[in-house]
């Protein structure tokens, strides 16, 4: 699966370029492990393909952080399945803080 479409990549990079340390952007894309509990909601992607957003490895401790897109692409779960992009996720609808609150309650988008 293609983890980055052109429109998603454009928005993520625009957000990263506009970031001055004081801005909070909504999640643009959600990635997930189809055979596990890991999920990542990204709002930014820098020139080194490092994304920023909510990182949740499914252990009850979701947090804001950075993740390498190359590492996500290389991850293989059960049956050799890789990380996938959630095609039904509503881009730019949810703030990272709202996502964190929902995950803390054990809920998902």
C-alpha atoms as a PDB file:
ATOM      1  CA  UNK A   1       0.000   0.000   0.000  1.00  0.00           C
ATOM      2  CA  UNK A   2       1.163   3.506  -0.796  1.00  0.00           C
ATOM      3  CA  UNK A   3       1.499   5.251   2.572  1.00  0.00           C
ATOM      4  CA  UNK A   4       1.712   8.733   1.030  1.00  0.00           C
ATOM      5  CA  UNK A   5      -0.506  10.078  -1.697  1.00  0.00           C
ATOM      6  CA  UNK A   6       0.570  13.363  -3.289  1.00  0.00           C
ATOM      7  CA  UNK A   7      -2.168  15.419  -1.514  1.00  0.00           C
ATOM      8  CA  UNK A   8      -1.359  13.867   1.877  1.00  0.00           C
ATOM      9  CA  UNK A   9       2.367  14.421   1.437  1.00  0.00           C
ATOM     10  CA  UNK A  10       1.781  18.022   0.335  1.00  0.00           C
ATOM     11  CA  UNK A  11      -0.341  18.840   3.399  1.00  0.00           C
ATOM     12  CA  UNK A  12       2.046  17.130   5.832  1.00  0.00           C
ATOM     13  CA  UNK A  13       5.044  18.999   4.397  1.00  0.00           C
ATOM     14  CA  UNK A  14       3.159  22.331   4.365  1.00  0.00           C
ATOM     15  CA  UNK A  15       2.340  21.878   8.042  1.00  0.00           C
ATOM     16  CA  UNK A  16       5.958  21.040   8.841  1.00  0.00           C
ATOM     17  CA  UNK A  17       7.251  24.084   6.944  1.00  0.00           C
ATOM     18  CA  UNK A  18       4.773  26.365   8.747  1.00  0.00           C
ATOM     19  CA  UNK A  19       5.630  24.986  12.202  1.00  0.00           C
ATOM     20  CA  UNK A  20       7.376  27.502  14.443  1.00  0.00           C
ATOM     21  CA  UNK A  21       6.981  25.573  17.685  1.00  0.00           C
ATOM     22  CA  UNK A  22       3.741  27.259  18.661  1.00  0.00           C
ATOM     23  CA  UNK A  23       1.279  25.774  16.174  1.00  0.00           C
ATOM     24  CA  UNK A  24      -0.923  22.732  16.525  1.00  0.00           C
ATOM     25  CA  UNK A  25      -2.171  21.071  13.360  1.00  0.00           C
ATOM     26  CA  UNK A  26      -4.908  18.484  12.957  1.00  0.00           C
ATOM     27  CA  UNK A  27      -4.025  14.932  12.007  1.00  0.00           C
ATOM     28  CA  UNK A  28      -3.691  14.561   8.243  1.00  0.00           C
ATOM     29  CA  UNK A  29      -3.266  10.796   8.032  1.00  0.00           C
ATOM     30  CA  UNK A  30      -3.658   7.689  10.188  1.00  0.00           C
ATOM     31  CA  UNK A  31      -1.431   4.634   9.837  1.00  0.00           C
ATOM     32  CA  UNK A  32      -2.022   1.340  11.602  1.00  0.00           C
ATOM     33  CA  UNK A  33      -0.668  -2.169  12.005  1.00  0.00           C
ATOM     34  CA  UNK A  34      -3.327  -4.515  10.573  1.00  0.00           C
ATOM     35  CA  UNK A  35      -2.103  -7.369  12.750  1.00  0.00           C
ATOM     36  CA  UNK A  36      -1.392  -5.436  15.946  1.00  0.00           C
ATOM     37  CA  UNK A  37      -2.398  -2.482  18.047  1.00  0.00           C
ATOM     38  CA  UNK A  38       0.016   0.167  16.740  1.00  0.00           C
ATOM     39  CA  UNK A  39      -1.388   3.334  15.229  1.00  0.00           C
ATOM     40  CA  UNK A  40       0.091   6.674  14.218  1.00  0.00           C
ATOM     41  CA  UNK A  41      -1.794   9.923  13.515  1.00  0.00           C
ATOM     42  CA  UNK A  42       0.519  12.355  11.729  1.00  0.00           C
ATOM     43  CA  UNK A  43       0.127  16.086  11.259  1.00  0.00           C
ATOM     44  CA  UNK A  44       3.580  16.954   9.878  1.00  0.00           C
ATOM     45  CA  UNK A  45       6.374  15.448   7.767  1.00  0.00           C
ATOM     46  CA  UNK A  46       9.773  17.121   7.483  1.00  0.00           C
ATOM     47  CA  UNK A  47      12.366  17.022   4.690  1.00  0.00           C
ATOM     48  CA  UNK A  48      14.000  13.941   6.280  1.00  0.00           C
ATOM     49  CA  UNK A  49      10.699  12.013   6.227  1.00  0.00           C
ATOM     50  CA  UNK A  50      10.290  12.283   9.983  1.00  0.00           C
ATOM     51  CA  UNK A  51       6.633  12.614  10.896  1.00  0.00           C
ATOM     52  CA  UNK A  52       5.165  14.263  13.965  1.00  0.00           C
ATOM     53  CA  UNK A  53       1.892  13.346  15.632  1.00  0.00           C
ATOM     54  CA  UNK A  54       0.287  10.900  18.025  1.00  0.00           C
ATOM     55  CA  UNK A  55       2.182   7.626  18.319  1.00  0.00           C
ATOM     56  CA  UNK A  56       0.370   4.719  19.972  1.00  0.00           C
ATOM     57  CA  UNK A  57       2.013   1.319  20.147  1.00  0.00           C
ATOM     58  CA  UNK A  58      -1.085  -0.154  21.763  1.00  0.00           C
ATOM     59  CA  UNK A  59       0.317  -0.427  25.269  1.00  0.00           C
ATOM     60  CA  UNK A  60      -1.868   2.271  26.830  1.00  0.00           C
ATOM     61  CA  UNK A  61       0.678   5.073  26.559  1.00  0.00           C
ATOM     62  CA  UNK A  62      -0.127   7.107  23.445  1.00  0.00           C
ATOM     63  CA  UNK A  63       2.006  10.234  23.172  1.00  0.00           C
ATOM     64  CA  UNK A  64       2.994  13.085  20.920  1.00  0.00           C
ATOM     65  CA  UNK A  65       6.222  12.254  19.173  1.00  0.00           C
ATOM     66  CA  UNK A  66       8.189  11.703  16.014  1.00  0.00           C
ATOM     67  CA  UNK A  67       8.416   8.654  13.812  1.00  0.00           C
ATOM     68  CA  UNK A  68      10.471   7.813  10.747  1.00  0.00           C
ATOM     69  CA  UNK A  69       8.316   7.144   7.714  1.00  0.00           C
ATOM     70  CA  UNK A  70      11.064   4.840   6.417  1.00  0.00           C
ATOM     71  CA  UNK A  71      10.821   2.784   9.620  1.00  0.00           C
ATOM     72  CA  UNK A  72       7.037   2.559   9.328  1.00  0.00           C
ATOM     73  CA  UNK A  73       7.439   1.378   5.728  1.00  0.00           C
ATOM     74  CA  UNK A  74       9.907  -1.318   6.809  1.00  0.00           C
ATOM     75  CA  UNK A  75       7.833  -2.746   9.681  1.00  0.00           C
ATOM     76  CA  UNK A  76       6.403  -6.194   9.080  1.00  0.00           C
ATOM     77  CA  UNK A  77       3.849  -7.699  11.417  1.00  0.00           C
ATOM     78  CA  UNK A  78       2.266 -11.127  11.530  1.00  0.00           C
ATOM     79  CA  UNK A  79       1.983 -12.872   8.165  1.00  0.00           C
ATOM     80  CA  UNK A  80       4.495 -10.359   6.732  1.00  0.00           C
ATOM     81  CA  UNK A  81       1.884  -7.595   6.547  1.00  0.00           C
ATOM     82  CA  UNK A  82       3.152  -4.035   6.638  1.00  0.00           C
ATOM     83  CA  UNK A  83       1.777  -0.807   8.046  1.00  0.00           C
ATOM     84  CA  UNK A  84      -1.290   0.498   6.219  1.00  0.00           C
ATOM     85  CA  UNK A  85      -2.951   3.862   5.720  1.00  0.00           C
ATOM     86  CA  UNK A  86      -6.505   4.112   7.068  1.00  0.00           C
ATOM     87  CA  UNK A  87      -8.491   4.966   3.943  1.00  0.00           C
ATOM     88  CA  UNK A  88     -11.577   5.895   5.965  1.00  0.00           C
ATOM     89  CA  UNK A  89      -9.813   8.377   8.266  1.00  0.00           C
ATOM     90  CA  UNK A  90     -11.189  11.938   7.993  1.00  0.00           C
ATOM     91  CA  UNK A  91      -8.122  14.039   7.209  1.00  0.00           C
ATOM     92  CA  UNK A  92      -7.748  17.355   9.064  1.00  0.00           C
ATOM     93  CA  UNK A  93     -10.850  16.723  11.186  1.00  0.00           C
ATOM     94  CA  UNK A  94      -9.308  15.832  14.567  1.00  0.00           C
ATOM     95  CA  UNK A  95      -6.745  17.686  16.651  1.00  0.00           C
ATOM     96  CA  UNK A  96      -3.847  15.697  18.065  1.00  0.00           C
ATOM     97  CA  UNK A  97      -5.039  16.576  21.575  1.00  0.00           C
ATOM     98  CA  UNK A  98      -8.530  15.203  20.845  1.00  0.00           C
ATOM     99  CA  UNK A  99      -6.983  11.992  19.524  1.00  0.00           C
ATOM    100  CA  UNK A 100      -4.844  11.628  22.669  1.00  0.00           C
ATOM    101  CA  UNK A 101      -7.891  12.097  24.913  1.00  0.00           C
ATOM    102  CA  UNK A 102      -9.867   9.512  22.971  1.00  0.00           C
ATOM    103  CA  UNK A 103      -7.016   6.987  23.084  1.00  0.00           C
ATOM    104  CA  UNK A 104      -6.617   7.518  26.844  1.00  0.00           C
ATOM    105  CA  UNK A 105     -10.239   6.383  27.201  1.00  0.00           C
ATOM    106  CA  UNK A 106      -9.481   3.263  25.156  1.00  0.00           C
ATOM    107  CA  UNK A 107     -11.397   4.553  22.129  1.00  0.00           C
ATOM    108  CA  UNK A 108     -10.212   4.814  18.518  1.00  0.00           C
ATOM    109  CA  UNK A 109     -10.967   6.790  15.411  1.00  0.00           C
END
